């Protein structure tokens, strides 16, 4: 048999992992010591993008109230207020979310709950 027609042998690799739900989707979680590539949570990233966009729209005077902007966006003012609070997160927390380096406990549901305004307190409460 020549090298060109040889059939490669099958190689089996066993990688222990478990499936966990995170942000409404399932993810593969490697065992301790395994280093998965950082991947941003798209739900959190979208919420941050909306928050900063809405903040710009309010600060520019394009809309005078949250209620007016919420009506245009077709969402409840209370939800918009909770999302707008994300603009108060410490810069390093925002960066970690965008880079996918935030802890697995940091979810959209968690950051939409009231959190401390002091950045040091945020860092300890959002771990």
N, C-alpha and C. Protein backbone atom coordinates (compact mmCIF):
# COMPACT_ATOMS: atom_id res chain seq x y z
N UNK A 1 0.85 -1.16 0.00
CA UNK A 1 0.00 0.00 0.00
C UNK A 1 0.90 1.24 0.00
N UNK A 2 0.60 2.19 -0.86
CA UNK A 2 1.42 3.40 -0.92
C UNK A 2 0.92 4.42 0.10
N UNK A 3 1.77 5.38 0.34
CA UNK A 3 1.43 6.41 1.33
C UNK A 3 0.19 7.19 0.92
N UNK A 4 -0.01 7.44 -0.35
CA UNK A 4 -1.14 8.23 -0.83
C UNK A 4 -2.47 7.50 -0.62
N UNK A 5 -2.48 6.19 -0.60
CA UNK A 5 -3.73 5.45 -0.45
C UNK A 5 -3.92 4.90 0.95
N UNK A 6 -3.01 5.17 1.84
CA UNK A 6 -3.11 4.65 3.21
C UNK A 6 -4.26 5.34 3.94
N UNK A 7 -4.99 4.56 4.70
CA UNK A 7 -6.10 5.09 5.50
C UNK A 7 -5.54 5.44 6.88
N UNK A 8 -5.72 6.69 7.34
CA UNK A 8 -5.17 7.05 8.65
C UNK A 8 -5.90 6.29 9.76
N UNK A 9 -5.18 6.03 10.81
CA UNK A 9 -5.78 5.36 11.95
C UNK A 9 -6.68 6.34 12.69
N UNK A 10 -7.68 5.81 13.36
CA UNK A 10 -8.58 6.65 14.13
C UNK A 10 -7.93 7.00 15.46
N UNK A 11 -8.00 8.26 15.83
CA UNK A 11 -7.47 8.71 17.11
C UNK A 11 -8.64 9.21 17.94
N UNK A 12 -8.76 8.71 19.13
CA UNK A 12 -9.84 9.13 20.02
C UNK A 12 -9.25 9.92 21.17
N UNK A 13 -9.83 11.09 21.41
CA UNK A 13 -9.39 11.94 22.51
C UNK A 13 -10.57 12.11 23.46
N UNK A 14 -10.33 11.91 24.75
CA UNK A 14 -11.36 12.09 25.77
C UNK A 14 -11.11 13.39 26.51
N UNK A 15 -12.10 14.27 26.47
CA UNK A 15 -11.99 15.55 27.17
C UNK A 15 -13.18 15.64 28.12
N UNK A 16 -12.91 15.66 29.42
CA UNK A 16 -14.04 15.77 30.36
C UNK A 16 -14.59 17.20 30.33
N UNK A 17 -15.91 17.30 30.29
CA UNK A 17 -16.56 18.61 30.33
C UNK A 17 -17.99 18.41 30.81
N UNK A 18 -18.64 19.53 31.11
CA UNK A 18 -20.05 19.47 31.46
C UNK A 18 -20.76 20.62 30.77
N UNK A 19 -22.05 20.46 30.57
CA UNK A 19 -22.87 21.48 29.92
C UNK A 19 -23.56 22.29 31.02
N UNK A 20 -23.44 23.62 30.94
CA UNK A 20 -24.10 24.51 31.90
C UNK A 20 -24.91 25.55 31.14
N UNK A 21 -25.99 26.01 31.75
CA UNK A 21 -26.79 27.08 31.15
C UNK A 21 -26.22 28.41 31.61
N UNK A 22 -26.07 29.32 30.66
CA UNK A 22 -25.55 30.64 30.99
C UNK A 22 -26.16 31.66 30.04
N UNK A 23 -26.85 32.62 30.60
CA UNK A 23 -27.45 33.65 29.77
C UNK A 23 -28.46 33.11 28.78
N UNK A 24 -29.19 32.06 29.14
CA UNK A 24 -30.20 31.52 28.27
C UNK A 24 -29.69 30.57 27.21
N UNK A 25 -28.42 30.25 27.23
CA UNK A 25 -27.88 29.30 26.26
C UNK A 25 -27.01 28.28 26.99
N UNK A 26 -26.71 27.20 26.32
CA UNK A 26 -25.89 26.16 26.92
C UNK A 26 -24.44 26.35 26.50
N UNK A 27 -23.54 26.13 27.45
CA UNK A 27 -22.11 26.24 27.18
C UNK A 27 -21.39 25.01 27.72
N UNK A 28 -20.26 24.73 27.12
CA UNK A 28 -19.43 23.64 27.56
C UNK A 28 -18.46 24.19 28.62
N UNK A 29 -18.39 23.55 29.77
CA UNK A 29 -17.50 24.00 30.83
C UNK A 29 -16.42 22.93 31.04
N UNK A 30 -15.17 23.37 30.91
CA UNK A 30 -14.04 22.46 31.07
C UNK A 30 -13.73 22.25 32.55
N UNK A 31 -13.04 21.18 32.88
CA UNK A 31 -12.69 20.95 34.29
C UNK A 31 -11.68 21.99 34.77
N UNK A 32 -11.49 22.04 36.09
CA UNK A 32 -10.50 22.95 36.67
C UNK A 32 -9.16 22.76 35.98
N UNK A 33 -8.49 23.84 35.70
CA UNK A 33 -7.20 23.77 35.03
C UNK A 33 -7.31 23.91 33.53
N UNK A 34 -8.49 23.61 33.00
CA UNK A 34 -8.71 23.80 31.56
C UNK A 34 -8.95 25.28 31.30
N UNK A 35 -8.38 25.79 30.25
CA UNK A 35 -8.52 27.20 29.96
C UNK A 35 -9.26 27.39 28.64
N UNK A 36 -10.59 27.60 28.73
CA UNK A 36 -11.33 27.81 27.50
C UNK A 36 -11.04 29.21 26.95
N UNK A 37 -11.16 29.39 25.66
CA UNK A 37 -10.94 30.73 25.11
C UNK A 37 -12.04 31.67 25.63
N UNK A 38 -11.66 32.89 25.91
CA UNK A 38 -12.62 33.87 26.41
C UNK A 38 -13.63 34.17 25.30
N UNK A 39 -14.90 34.17 25.69
CA UNK A 39 -15.95 34.48 24.73
C UNK A 39 -16.96 35.38 25.41
N UNK A 40 -17.21 36.52 24.81
CA UNK A 40 -18.12 37.49 25.40
C UNK A 40 -19.55 36.96 25.37
N UNK A 41 -20.30 37.28 26.40
CA UNK A 41 -21.71 36.92 26.48
C UNK A 41 -22.47 37.94 25.64
N UNK A 42 -22.97 37.52 24.50
CA UNK A 42 -23.60 38.45 23.56
C UNK A 42 -24.79 39.18 24.17
N UNK A 43 -25.52 38.53 25.07
CA UNK A 43 -26.66 39.17 25.72
C UNK A 43 -26.20 40.34 26.56
N UNK A 44 -25.13 40.13 27.33
CA UNK A 44 -24.58 41.22 28.15
C UNK A 44 -24.00 42.34 27.29
N UNK A 45 -23.30 41.97 26.24
CA UNK A 45 -22.68 42.96 25.36
C UNK A 45 -23.76 43.82 24.70
N UNK A 46 -24.83 43.20 24.23
CA UNK A 46 -25.93 43.95 23.62
C UNK A 46 -26.57 44.90 24.62
N UNK A 47 -26.76 44.43 25.84
CA UNK A 47 -27.36 45.29 26.87
C UNK A 47 -26.46 46.49 27.16
N UNK A 48 -25.15 46.26 27.25
CA UNK A 48 -24.21 47.37 27.46
C UNK A 48 -24.27 48.36 26.29
N UNK A 49 -24.29 47.84 25.08
CA UNK A 49 -24.34 48.71 23.90
C UNK A 49 -25.61 49.55 23.91
N UNK A 50 -26.73 48.93 24.22
CA UNK A 50 -27.99 49.68 24.29
C UNK A 50 -27.93 50.74 25.37
N UNK A 51 -27.40 50.37 26.53
CA UNK A 51 -27.33 51.32 27.64
C UNK A 51 -26.55 52.57 27.26
N UNK A 52 -25.38 52.37 26.68
CA UNK A 52 -24.55 53.52 26.32
C UNK A 52 -25.16 54.31 25.15
N UNK A 53 -25.82 53.63 24.24
CA UNK A 53 -26.50 54.32 23.13
C UNK A 53 -27.64 55.18 23.66
N UNK A 54 -28.45 54.59 24.55
CA UNK A 54 -29.56 55.35 25.12
C UNK A 54 -29.06 56.53 25.95
N UNK A 55 -27.99 56.32 26.67
CA UNK A 55 -27.41 57.41 27.47
C UNK A 55 -27.00 58.57 26.56
N UNK A 56 -26.34 58.24 25.45
CA UNK A 56 -25.94 59.28 24.48
C UNK A 56 -27.15 60.02 23.93
N UNK A 57 -28.21 59.28 23.62
CA UNK A 57 -29.41 59.90 23.06
C UNK A 57 -30.06 60.85 24.07
N UNK A 58 -30.04 60.47 25.35
CA UNK A 58 -30.61 61.34 26.38
C UNK A 58 -29.72 62.56 26.62
N UNK A 59 -28.41 62.34 26.68
CA UNK A 59 -27.48 63.45 26.94
C UNK A 59 -27.44 64.44 25.78
N UNK A 60 -27.68 63.97 24.56
CA UNK A 60 -27.63 64.87 23.40
C UNK A 60 -28.86 65.76 23.31
N UNK A 61 -29.90 65.43 24.06
CA UNK A 61 -31.12 66.21 24.01
C UNK A 61 -32.08 65.71 22.94
N UNK A 62 -31.70 64.64 22.25
CA UNK A 62 -32.58 64.07 21.22
C UNK A 62 -33.91 63.65 21.86
N UNK A 63 -33.83 63.15 23.08
CA UNK A 63 -35.02 62.80 23.87
C UNK A 63 -34.87 63.47 25.22
N UNK A 64 -35.97 63.98 25.74
CA UNK A 64 -35.88 64.71 27.00
C UNK A 64 -36.15 63.84 28.22
N UNK A 65 -36.86 62.75 28.04
CA UNK A 65 -37.15 61.87 29.18
C UNK A 65 -36.93 60.41 28.81
N UNK A 66 -36.74 59.61 29.84
CA UNK A 66 -36.61 58.16 29.64
C UNK A 66 -37.92 57.61 29.08
N UNK A 67 -39.04 58.12 29.58
CA UNK A 67 -40.34 57.64 29.11
C UNK A 67 -40.51 57.89 27.60
N UNK A 68 -40.07 59.04 27.13
CA UNK A 68 -40.17 59.38 25.71
C UNK A 68 -39.30 58.43 24.87
N UNK A 69 -38.08 58.20 25.32
CA UNK A 69 -37.17 57.30 24.60
C UNK A 69 -37.69 55.86 24.64
N UNK A 70 -38.18 55.45 25.80
CA UNK A 70 -38.71 54.08 25.94
C UNK A 70 -39.88 53.86 25.00
N UNK A 71 -40.73 54.87 24.86
CA UNK A 71 -41.88 54.75 23.96
C UNK A 71 -41.40 54.58 22.51
N UNK A 72 -40.41 55.35 22.13
CA UNK A 72 -39.86 55.24 20.77
C UNK A 72 -39.24 53.86 20.53
N UNK A 73 -38.55 53.33 21.56
CA UNK A 73 -37.89 52.03 21.44
C UNK A 73 -38.87 50.87 21.60
N UNK A 74 -40.08 51.17 22.07
CA UNK A 74 -41.10 50.13 22.24
C UNK A 74 -40.86 49.23 23.43
N UNK A 75 -40.28 49.78 24.49
CA UNK A 75 -40.03 48.99 25.70
C UNK A 75 -40.56 49.76 26.91
N UNK A 76 -40.66 49.07 28.03
CA UNK A 76 -41.14 49.69 29.26
C UNK A 76 -40.08 50.62 29.83
N UNK A 77 -40.49 51.79 30.32
CA UNK A 77 -39.52 52.71 30.93
C UNK A 77 -38.76 52.09 32.10
N UNK A 78 -39.41 51.22 32.85
CA UNK A 78 -38.73 50.59 34.00
C UNK A 78 -37.59 49.70 33.53
N UNK A 79 -37.79 48.97 32.42
CA UNK A 79 -36.72 48.13 31.87
C UNK A 79 -35.58 49.01 31.35
N UNK A 80 -35.93 50.10 30.66
CA UNK A 80 -34.90 50.99 30.14
C UNK A 80 -34.07 51.57 31.28
N UNK A 81 -34.72 51.92 32.38
CA UNK A 81 -34.00 52.46 33.54
C UNK A 81 -33.01 51.44 34.09
N UNK A 82 -33.44 50.18 34.18
CA UNK A 82 -32.54 49.13 34.68
C UNK A 82 -31.35 48.94 33.75
N UNK A 83 -31.60 48.97 32.43
CA UNK A 83 -30.50 48.80 31.48
C UNK A 83 -29.57 50.01 31.51
N UNK A 84 -30.13 51.20 31.62
CA UNK A 84 -29.31 52.42 31.69
C UNK A 84 -28.35 52.41 32.88
N UNK A 85 -28.72 51.72 33.96
CA UNK A 85 -27.83 51.62 35.13
C UNK A 85 -26.51 50.96 34.78
N UNK A 86 -26.48 50.17 33.71
CA UNK A 86 -25.23 49.50 33.32
C UNK A 86 -24.14 50.51 32.98
N UNK A 87 -24.51 51.73 32.64
CA UNK A 87 -23.51 52.76 32.34
C UNK A 87 -22.79 53.21 33.61
N UNK A 88 -23.27 52.78 34.76
CA UNK A 88 -22.65 53.13 36.04
C UNK A 88 -21.66 52.07 36.53
N UNK A 89 -21.52 50.99 35.76
CA UNK A 89 -20.56 49.94 36.15
C UNK A 89 -19.13 50.45 36.05
N UNK A 90 -18.27 49.93 36.90
CA UNK A 90 -16.85 50.29 36.87
C UNK A 90 -16.29 49.96 35.49
N UNK A 91 -15.40 50.81 34.96
CA UNK A 91 -14.83 50.57 33.63
C UNK A 91 -14.18 49.20 33.46
N UNK A 92 -13.51 48.71 34.49
CA UNK A 92 -12.87 47.40 34.36
C UNK A 92 -13.90 46.26 34.30
N UNK A 93 -15.05 46.45 34.93
CA UNK A 93 -16.11 45.43 34.84
C UNK A 93 -16.70 45.43 33.44
N UNK A 94 -16.93 46.62 32.88
CA UNK A 94 -17.43 46.73 31.50
C UNK A 94 -16.44 46.07 30.54
N UNK A 95 -15.16 46.36 30.72
CA UNK A 95 -14.13 45.78 29.86
C UNK A 95 -14.09 44.26 29.97
N UNK A 96 -14.22 43.75 31.19
CA UNK A 96 -14.21 42.29 31.40
C UNK A 96 -15.41 41.65 30.70
N UNK A 97 -16.56 42.30 30.74
CA UNK A 97 -17.75 41.77 30.07
C UNK A 97 -17.52 41.76 28.55
N UNK A 98 -16.99 42.86 28.03
CA UNK A 98 -16.76 42.95 26.58
C UNK A 98 -15.71 41.94 26.10
N UNK A 99 -14.72 41.65 26.97
CA UNK A 99 -13.66 40.71 26.61
C UNK A 99 -14.03 39.26 26.92
N UNK A 100 -15.18 39.05 27.56
CA UNK A 100 -15.58 37.70 27.94
C UNK A 100 -14.79 37.16 29.12
N UNK A 101 -14.22 38.05 29.92
CA UNK A 101 -13.39 37.63 31.05
C UNK A 101 -14.08 37.84 32.39
N UNK A 102 -15.37 38.10 32.37
CA UNK A 102 -16.11 38.25 33.61
C UNK A 102 -16.40 36.86 34.18
N UNK A 103 -16.70 36.81 35.44
CA UNK A 103 -16.97 35.53 36.07
C UNK A 103 -18.25 34.90 35.55
N UNK A 104 -18.38 33.59 35.69
CA UNK A 104 -19.56 32.89 35.18
C UNK A 104 -20.84 33.30 35.93
N UNK A 105 -20.69 33.88 37.11
CA UNK A 105 -21.86 34.30 37.87
C UNK A 105 -22.42 35.63 37.37
N UNK A 106 -21.66 36.35 36.54
CA UNK A 106 -22.12 37.65 36.03
C UNK A 106 -23.01 37.40 34.82
N UNK A 107 -24.30 37.58 35.04
CA UNK A 107 -25.30 37.38 33.98
C UNK A 107 -26.09 38.66 33.80
N UNK A 108 -26.86 38.74 32.74
CA UNK A 108 -27.68 39.91 32.51
C UNK A 108 -28.67 40.08 33.66
N UNK A 109 -29.28 38.99 34.09
CA UNK A 109 -30.24 39.08 35.20
C UNK A 109 -29.58 39.67 36.45
N UNK A 110 -28.33 39.28 36.71
CA UNK A 110 -27.64 39.78 37.90
C UNK A 110 -27.33 41.27 37.78
N UNK A 111 -26.83 41.71 36.64
CA UNK A 111 -26.44 43.12 36.51
C UNK A 111 -27.65 44.04 36.35
N UNK A 112 -28.81 43.49 36.03
CA UNK A 112 -30.01 44.32 35.98
C UNK A 112 -30.61 44.54 37.37
N UNK A 113 -30.17 43.76 38.33
CA UNK A 113 -30.59 43.99 39.72
C UNK A 113 -29.81 45.18 40.26
N UNK A 114 -30.37 45.89 41.25
CA UNK A 114 -29.62 47.02 41.82
C UNK A 114 -28.24 46.58 42.31
N UNK A 115 -27.25 47.39 42.04
CA UNK A 115 -25.88 47.11 42.48
C UNK A 115 -25.31 48.39 43.09
N UNK A 116 -24.26 48.25 43.90
CA UNK A 116 -23.67 49.44 44.54
C UNK A 116 -23.11 50.42 43.52
N UNK A 117 -23.15 51.69 43.84
CA UNK A 117 -22.58 52.71 42.96
C UNK A 117 -21.07 52.79 43.09
N UNK A 118 -20.55 52.46 44.27
CA UNK A 118 -19.10 52.49 44.49
C UNK A 118 -18.45 51.35 43.71
N UNK A 119 -17.43 51.69 42.92
CA UNK A 119 -16.80 50.69 42.07
C UNK A 119 -16.17 49.56 42.86
N UNK A 120 -15.55 49.87 43.99
CA UNK A 120 -14.93 48.80 44.80
C UNK A 120 -16.00 47.81 45.29
N UNK A 121 -17.15 48.33 45.69
CA UNK A 121 -18.23 47.46 46.14
C UNK A 121 -18.80 46.65 44.98
N UNK A 122 -18.86 47.25 43.79
CA UNK A 122 -19.32 46.52 42.60
C UNK A 122 -18.42 45.32 42.34
N UNK A 123 -17.14 45.56 42.42
CA UNK A 123 -16.19 44.48 42.12
C UNK A 123 -16.39 43.30 43.06
N UNK A 124 -16.68 43.57 44.33
CA UNK A 124 -16.85 42.46 45.27
C UNK A 124 -18.24 41.83 45.14
N UNK A 125 -19.25 42.59 44.74
CA UNK A 125 -20.59 42.02 44.64
C UNK A 125 -20.83 41.32 43.31
N UNK A 126 -20.07 41.66 42.28
CA UNK A 126 -20.27 41.05 40.96
C UNK A 126 -19.22 39.98 40.67
N UNK A 127 -18.87 39.18 41.61
CA UNK A 127 -17.91 38.09 41.42
C UNK A 127 -18.61 36.79 41.31
